[in-house]
Structure formats: C-alpha cells, structure tokens
C-alpha cells in the first residue's frame, strides 16, 4: 500500500472544501459546530493556505486514491509558540482508518518539518487523543510534553515535541 501526503495546489481547494465537510461533521460529535443556512459547515481559513506564508495543505493519497487531508501551519496561538509547526487539521477517510495511513502520513509530515511541533486535540475526542498519543510517543520525537489546556472555549489535550532532523537527510561536506 503506497501512502503519500501530496502538497495541495490552489486548484485542489474545492476538493479540500468537500473533505472539510466530512471532517467537520465528524468533529460536530465533540464540538458545537453548526451548519450554515445552506447546510454547509464553514471553515474560514482554507483559502489562507495559498495566500499566507507558513501554511501547508496536503491531500492524503493511498495507492493514488484520495484518503484525506492535513493542514499544517507555522506557529501555535494555543501554546504561544511562534516557531513550532502546528498540525491544524488532520483527517483520514473512515475506510482508510486503522490501516496505518494516519500514522504514516503524520510521521512523514513531522520529518518534512523537523523541529518543534504542536498537535492539539479536543479533549472530548478520546479516539483522536489516543491516536495521537500512540503515534507521537512511538515516533522518534524528543522532549514530548502532553498537557491539558483550556483556552476559554474548550478543553484540549496538547502534545508538544521536537522532531529531530533525520541523519539520513543530512549531507556531509
């Protein structure tokens, strides 16, 4: 099974918007997310991924079939870290879950941006919290810190860690 995180182009925005509908529907189980009068879940930040530096959108692919998406951004307002990469949103379609797709993509993204990371999960979403605890604690991370944070709106489980530069990626002079 070939699993990839492919950088999304601006022309992929409609595809990501469609996937966001499924993602936000899933999240509405844990968070009060209302649909618009047109029956849509709104995600106002999507177009920022092609307009602002430090934002990265990915389509998740399994054997060249669409399997989900990931949104990564520089800086985390939740923990006040301007240098960390934050996994802003992460979604794997249900038929690809529990097959190693999420774990593979997460590790790929961490390795693509070595350094400090923040992954936050709504505390009530115990399945996602368990997934990230498993994936992060079994990855080659340093200084893993798992804390509970309330931002005034909701309770979060926040994972902060350092993903090292791969020795296989470094070159000698």
C-alpha atoms as a PDB file:
ATOM      1  CA  UNK A   1       0.000   0.000   0.000  1.00  0.00           C
ATOM      2  CA  UNK A   2       1.514   3.324  -1.117  1.00  0.00           C
ATOM      3  CA  UNK A   3       0.662   6.174   1.305  1.00  0.00           C
ATOM      4  CA  UNK A   4       1.537   9.773   0.431  1.00  0.00           C
ATOM      5  CA  UNK A   5       0.968  13.319   1.619  1.00  0.00           C
ATOM      6  CA  UNK A   6       0.847  15.329  -1.611  1.00  0.00           C
ATOM      7  CA  UNK A   7       1.106  19.127  -1.403  1.00  0.00           C
ATOM      8  CA  UNK A   8      -2.273  20.561  -2.395  1.00  0.00           C
ATOM      9  CA  UNK A   9      -2.375  23.189  -5.106  1.00  0.00           C
ATOM     10  CA  UNK A  10      -4.812  26.077  -5.115  1.00  0.00           C
ATOM     11  CA  UNK A  11      -6.786  24.172  -7.764  1.00  0.00           C
ATOM     12  CA  UNK A  12      -7.333  21.470  -5.102  1.00  0.00           C
ATOM     13  CA  UNK A  13      -9.213  23.884  -2.835  1.00  0.00           C
ATOM     14  CA  UNK A  14     -12.685  22.579  -3.887  1.00  0.00           C
ATOM     15  CA  UNK A  15     -11.580  19.020  -3.071  1.00  0.00           C
ATOM     16  CA  UNK A  16     -10.299  20.116   0.337  1.00  0.00           C
ATOM     17  CA  UNK A  17     -13.505  22.069   0.968  1.00  0.00           C
ATOM     18  CA  UNK A  18     -15.506  18.883   0.269  1.00  0.00           C
ATOM     19  CA  UNK A  19     -13.305  16.819   2.590  1.00  0.00           C
ATOM     20  CA  UNK A  20     -13.682  19.502   5.265  1.00  0.00           C
ATOM     21  CA  UNK A  21     -17.432  18.845   5.227  1.00  0.00           C
ATOM     22  CA  UNK A  22     -16.812  15.236   6.277  1.00  0.00           C
ATOM     23  CA  UNK A  23     -14.173  16.249   8.821  1.00  0.00           C
ATOM     24  CA  UNK A  24     -16.304  18.950  10.441  1.00  0.00           C
ATOM     25  CA  UNK A  25     -19.295  16.603  10.509  1.00  0.00           C
ATOM     26  CA  UNK A  26     -17.156  14.100  12.440  1.00  0.00           C
ATOM     27  CA  UNK A  27     -15.953  16.869  14.796  1.00  0.00           C
ATOM     28  CA  UNK A  28     -19.502  18.035  15.466  1.00  0.00           C
ATOM     29  CA  UNK A  29     -19.863  14.980  17.715  1.00  0.00           C
ATOM     30  CA  UNK A  30     -17.418  16.631  20.145  1.00  0.00           C
ATOM     31  CA  UNK A  31     -17.800  20.328  19.407  1.00  0.00           C
ATOM     32  CA  UNK A  32     -20.805  22.532  18.781  1.00  0.00           C
ATOM     33  CA  UNK A  33     -20.404  23.177  15.059  1.00  0.00           C
ATOM     34  CA  UNK A  34     -23.463  24.462  13.270  1.00  0.00           C
ATOM     35  CA  UNK A  35     -24.161  24.255   9.576  1.00  0.00           C
ATOM     36  CA  UNK A  36     -24.999  27.341   7.540  1.00  0.00           C
ATOM     37  CA  UNK A  37     -28.477  28.020   6.207  1.00  0.00           C
ATOM     38  CA  UNK A  38     -27.272  26.291   3.031  1.00  0.00           C
ATOM     39  CA  UNK A  39     -26.422  23.135   5.005  1.00  0.00           C
ATOM     40  CA  UNK A  40     -22.648  23.635   4.878  1.00  0.00           C
ATOM     41  CA  UNK A  41     -20.027  23.516   7.575  1.00  0.00           C
ATOM     42  CA  UNK A  42     -17.844  26.619   7.243  1.00  0.00           C
ATOM     43  CA  UNK A  43     -14.059  26.632   7.510  1.00  0.00           C
ATOM     44  CA  UNK A  44     -12.956  30.241   7.023  1.00  0.00           C
ATOM     45  CA  UNK A  45      -9.195  29.569   6.970  1.00  0.00           C
ATOM     46  CA  UNK A  46      -8.888  27.306   3.934  1.00  0.00           C
ATOM     47  CA  UNK A  47      -8.024  29.953   1.335  1.00  0.00           C
ATOM     48  CA  UNK A  48      -5.276  31.223   3.693  1.00  0.00           C
ATOM     49  CA  UNK A  49      -3.282  28.105   2.865  1.00  0.00           C
ATOM     50  CA  UNK A  50      -2.434  29.575  -0.543  1.00  0.00           C
ATOM     51  CA  UNK A  51      -2.363  33.240   0.482  1.00  0.00           C
ATOM     52  CA  UNK A  52      -0.199  33.252   3.624  1.00  0.00           C
ATOM     53  CA  UNK A  53       3.367  32.033   4.046  1.00  0.00           C
ATOM     54  CA  UNK A  54       3.907  29.284   6.616  1.00  0.00           C
ATOM     55  CA  UNK A  55       0.729  27.372   5.749  1.00  0.00           C
ATOM     56  CA  UNK A  56       0.798  23.993   4.030  1.00  0.00           C
ATOM     57  CA  UNK A  57      -2.111  21.931   2.722  1.00  0.00           C
ATOM     58  CA  UNK A  58      -1.794  18.256   1.809  1.00  0.00           C
ATOM     59  CA  UNK A  59      -4.020  15.668   0.204  1.00  0.00           C
ATOM     60  CA  UNK A  60      -3.566  12.190   1.646  1.00  0.00           C
ATOM     61  CA  UNK A  61      -3.367   9.512  -1.005  1.00  0.00           C
ATOM     62  CA  UNK A  62      -3.434   5.721  -0.748  1.00  0.00           C
ATOM     63  CA  UNK A  63      -2.480   3.914  -3.934  1.00  0.00           C
ATOM     64  CA  UNK A  64      -3.304   7.141  -5.817  1.00  0.00           C
ATOM     65  CA  UNK A  65      -6.822   7.325  -4.309  1.00  0.00           C
ATOM     66  CA  UNK A  66      -7.911  10.273  -2.169  1.00  0.00           C
ATOM     67  CA  UNK A  67      -7.787   9.282   1.516  1.00  0.00           C
ATOM     68  CA  UNK A  68      -7.945  12.554   3.494  1.00  0.00           C
ATOM     69  CA  UNK A  69      -6.069  15.774   4.149  1.00  0.00           C
ATOM     70  CA  UNK A  70      -3.694  17.526   6.515  1.00  0.00           C
ATOM     71  CA  UNK A  71      -3.273  21.247   7.201  1.00  0.00           C
ATOM     72  CA  UNK A  72      -0.027  22.428   8.789  1.00  0.00           C
ATOM     73  CA  UNK A  73       0.793  25.961   9.849  1.00  0.00           C
ATOM     74  CA  UNK A  74       3.673  27.810  11.407  1.00  0.00           C
ATOM     75  CA  UNK A  75       3.057  28.973  14.952  1.00  0.00           C
ATOM     76  CA  UNK A  76       0.543  27.947  17.583  1.00  0.00           C
ATOM     77  CA  UNK A  77      -1.644  30.530  19.248  1.00  0.00           C
ATOM     78  CA  UNK A  78      -2.899  27.892  21.686  1.00  0.00           C
ATOM     79  CA  UNK A  79       0.501  27.480  23.346  1.00  0.00           C
ATOM     80  CA  UNK A  80       2.033  30.803  22.282  1.00  0.00           C
ATOM     81  CA  UNK A  81       4.831  29.267  20.237  1.00  0.00           C
ATOM     82  CA  UNK A  82       5.662  31.211  17.075  1.00  0.00           C
ATOM     83  CA  UNK A  83       8.359  28.735  15.984  1.00  0.00           C
ATOM     84  CA  UNK A  84       6.530  25.430  16.177  1.00  0.00           C
ATOM     85  CA  UNK A  85       4.723  23.761  13.334  1.00  0.00           C
ATOM     86  CA  UNK A  86       1.128  23.040  14.267  1.00  0.00           C
ATOM     87  CA  UNK A  87      -0.975  20.278  12.813  1.00  0.00           C
ATOM     88  CA  UNK A  88      -4.032  22.498  12.402  1.00  0.00           C
ATOM     89  CA  UNK A  89      -6.338  19.849  10.922  1.00  0.00           C
ATOM     90  CA  UNK A  90      -5.896  16.167  10.105  1.00  0.00           C
ATOM     91  CA  UNK A  91      -8.466  13.871   8.546  1.00  0.00           C
ATOM     92  CA  UNK A  92      -8.395  10.314   7.236  1.00  0.00           C
ATOM     93  CA  UNK A  93     -11.474   8.944   5.484  1.00  0.00           C
ATOM     94  CA  UNK A  94     -13.128   6.197   7.512  1.00  0.00           C
ATOM     95  CA  UNK A  95     -12.364   3.388   5.068  1.00  0.00           C
ATOM     96  CA  UNK A  96      -8.613   4.132   5.460  1.00  0.00           C
ATOM     97  CA  UNK A  97      -8.563   4.334   9.255  1.00  0.00           C
ATOM     98  CA  UNK A  98      -6.849   1.673  11.364  1.00  0.00           C
ATOM     99  CA  UNK A  99      -4.647   0.706   8.423  1.00  0.00           C
ATOM    100  CA  UNK A 100      -1.565   2.769   9.256  1.00  0.00           C
ATOM    101  CA  UNK A 101      -2.415   5.629   6.879  1.00  0.00           C
ATOM    102  CA  UNK A 102      -2.653   8.321   9.562  1.00  0.00           C
ATOM    103  CA  UNK A 103       0.485   7.131  11.331  1.00  0.00           C
ATOM    104  CA  UNK A 104       2.477   7.035   8.080  1.00  0.00           C
ATOM    105  CA  UNK A 105       1.368  10.499   6.971  1.00  0.00           C
ATOM    106  CA  UNK A 106       1.912  12.027  10.428  1.00  0.00           C
ATOM    107  CA  UNK A 107       5.480  10.755  10.599  1.00  0.00           C
ATOM    108  CA  UNK A 108       6.119  11.989   7.050  1.00  0.00           C
ATOM    109  CA  UNK A 109       4.880  15.475   7.956  1.00  0.00           C
ATOM    110  CA  UNK A 110       6.926  15.579  11.176  1.00  0.00           C
ATOM    111  CA  UNK A 111      10.037  14.596   9.213  1.00  0.00           C
ATOM    112  CA  UNK A 112       9.316  17.152   6.486  1.00  0.00           C
ATOM    113  CA  UNK A 113       9.394  19.933   9.100  1.00  0.00           C
ATOM    114  CA  UNK A 114      11.952  18.893  11.717  1.00  0.00           C
ATOM    115  CA  UNK A 115      11.903  20.959  14.871  1.00  0.00           C
ATOM    116  CA  UNK A 116       9.206  21.871  17.390  1.00  0.00           C
ATOM    117  CA  UNK A 117       5.644  20.654  16.831  1.00  0.00           C
ATOM    118  CA  UNK A 118       2.232  21.163  18.432  1.00  0.00           C
ATOM    119  CA  UNK A 119      -0.666  18.756  17.964  1.00  0.00           C
ATOM    120  CA  UNK A 120      -3.852  19.672  19.824  1.00  0.00           C
ATOM    121  CA  UNK A 121      -6.978  17.565  20.174  1.00  0.00           C
ATOM    122  CA  UNK A 122     -10.359  18.434  21.634  1.00  0.00           C
ATOM    123  CA  UNK A 123     -10.272  16.587  24.960  1.00  0.00           C
ATOM    124  CA  UNK A 124     -13.699  15.011  24.433  1.00  0.00           C
ATOM    125  CA  UNK A 125     -12.417  13.381  21.231  1.00  0.00           C
ATOM    126  CA  UNK A 126     -10.847  10.481  23.107  1.00  0.00           C
ATOM    127  CA  UNK A 127     -10.263   8.421  19.969  1.00  0.00           C
ATOM    128  CA  UNK A 128      -8.159  11.164  18.379  1.00  0.00           C
ATOM    129  CA  UNK A 129      -6.301  11.796  21.646  1.00  0.00           C
ATOM    130  CA  UNK A 130      -5.451   8.082  21.902  1.00  0.00           C
ATOM    131  CA  UNK A 131      -4.373   8.002  18.243  1.00  0.00           C
ATOM    132  CA  UNK A 132      -2.008  10.954  18.650  1.00  0.00           C
ATOM    133  CA  UNK A 133      -0.661   9.674  21.970  1.00  0.00           C
ATOM    134  CA  UNK A 134       0.159   6.363  20.264  1.00  0.00           C
ATOM    135  CA  UNK A 135       1.656   7.879  17.094  1.00  0.00           C
ATOM    136  CA  UNK A 136       3.704  10.612  18.746  1.00  0.00           C
ATOM    137  CA  UNK A 137       5.021   8.524  21.640  1.00  0.00           C
ATOM    138  CA  UNK A 138       6.185   5.840  19.185  1.00  0.00           C
ATOM    139  CA  UNK A 139       7.865   8.273  16.797  1.00  0.00           C
ATOM    140  CA  UNK A 140      11.434   9.475  17.058  1.00  0.00           C
ATOM    141  CA  UNK A 141      10.499  12.601  18.992  1.00  0.00           C
ATOM    142  CA  UNK A 142      12.358  14.428  21.726  1.00  0.00           C
ATOM    143  CA  UNK A 143      11.028  16.312  24.717  1.00  0.00           C
ATOM    144  CA  UNK A 144       7.444  15.047  24.476  1.00  0.00           C
ATOM    145  CA  UNK A 145       5.155  17.106  26.694  1.00  0.00           C
ATOM    146  CA  UNK A 146       1.464  16.258  26.962  1.00  0.00           C
ATOM    147  CA  UNK A 147      -0.691  18.807  28.791  1.00  0.00           C
ATOM    148  CA  UNK A 148      -4.331  19.722  29.254  1.00  0.00           C
ATOM    149  CA  UNK A 149      -5.178  23.305  28.298  1.00  0.00           C
ATOM    150  CA  UNK A 150      -8.408  25.289  28.471  1.00  0.00           C
ATOM    151  CA  UNK A 151      -8.402  28.252  26.089  1.00  0.00           C
ATOM    152  CA  UNK A 152     -11.619  29.746  27.482  1.00  0.00           C
ATOM    153  CA  UNK A 153     -13.728  27.994  24.836  1.00  0.00           C
ATOM    154  CA  UNK A 154     -12.846  24.319  25.142  1.00  0.00           C
ATOM    155  CA  UNK A 155     -10.570  21.792  26.803  1.00  0.00           C
ATOM    156  CA  UNK A 156      -7.629  20.490  24.781  1.00  0.00           C
ATOM    157  CA  UNK A 157      -5.069  17.727  25.025  1.00  0.00           C
ATOM    158  CA  UNK A 158      -1.890  19.284  23.648  1.00  0.00           C
ATOM    159  CA  UNK A 159       1.206  17.382  22.548  1.00  0.00           C
ATOM    160  CA  UNK A 160       4.381  19.441  22.238  1.00  0.00           C
ATOM    161  CA  UNK A 161       7.533  17.771  20.996  1.00  0.00           C
ATOM    162  CA  UNK A 162      10.654  18.143  18.931  1.00  0.00           C
ATOM    163  CA  UNK A 163      11.078  16.079  15.779  1.00  0.00           C
ATOM    164  CA  UNK A 164      14.802  15.690  15.065  1.00  0.00           C
ATOM    165  CA  UNK A 165      16.495  16.203  11.732  1.00  0.00           C
ATOM    166  CA  UNK A 166      16.989  12.797  10.160  1.00  0.00           C
ATOM    167  CA  UNK A 167      20.598  11.714   9.946  1.00  0.00           C
ATOM    168  CA  UNK A 168      19.809  10.092   6.585  1.00  0.00           C
ATOM    169  CA  UNK A 169      18.758  13.521   5.237  1.00  0.00           C
ATOM    170  CA  UNK A 170      21.930  15.317   6.237  1.00  0.00           C
ATOM    171  CA  UNK A 171      24.800  15.631   3.855  1.00  0.00           C
ATOM    172  CA  UNK A 172      28.466  15.826   4.702  1.00  0.00           C
ATOM    173  CA  UNK A 173      30.743  18.424   3.181  1.00  0.00           C
END
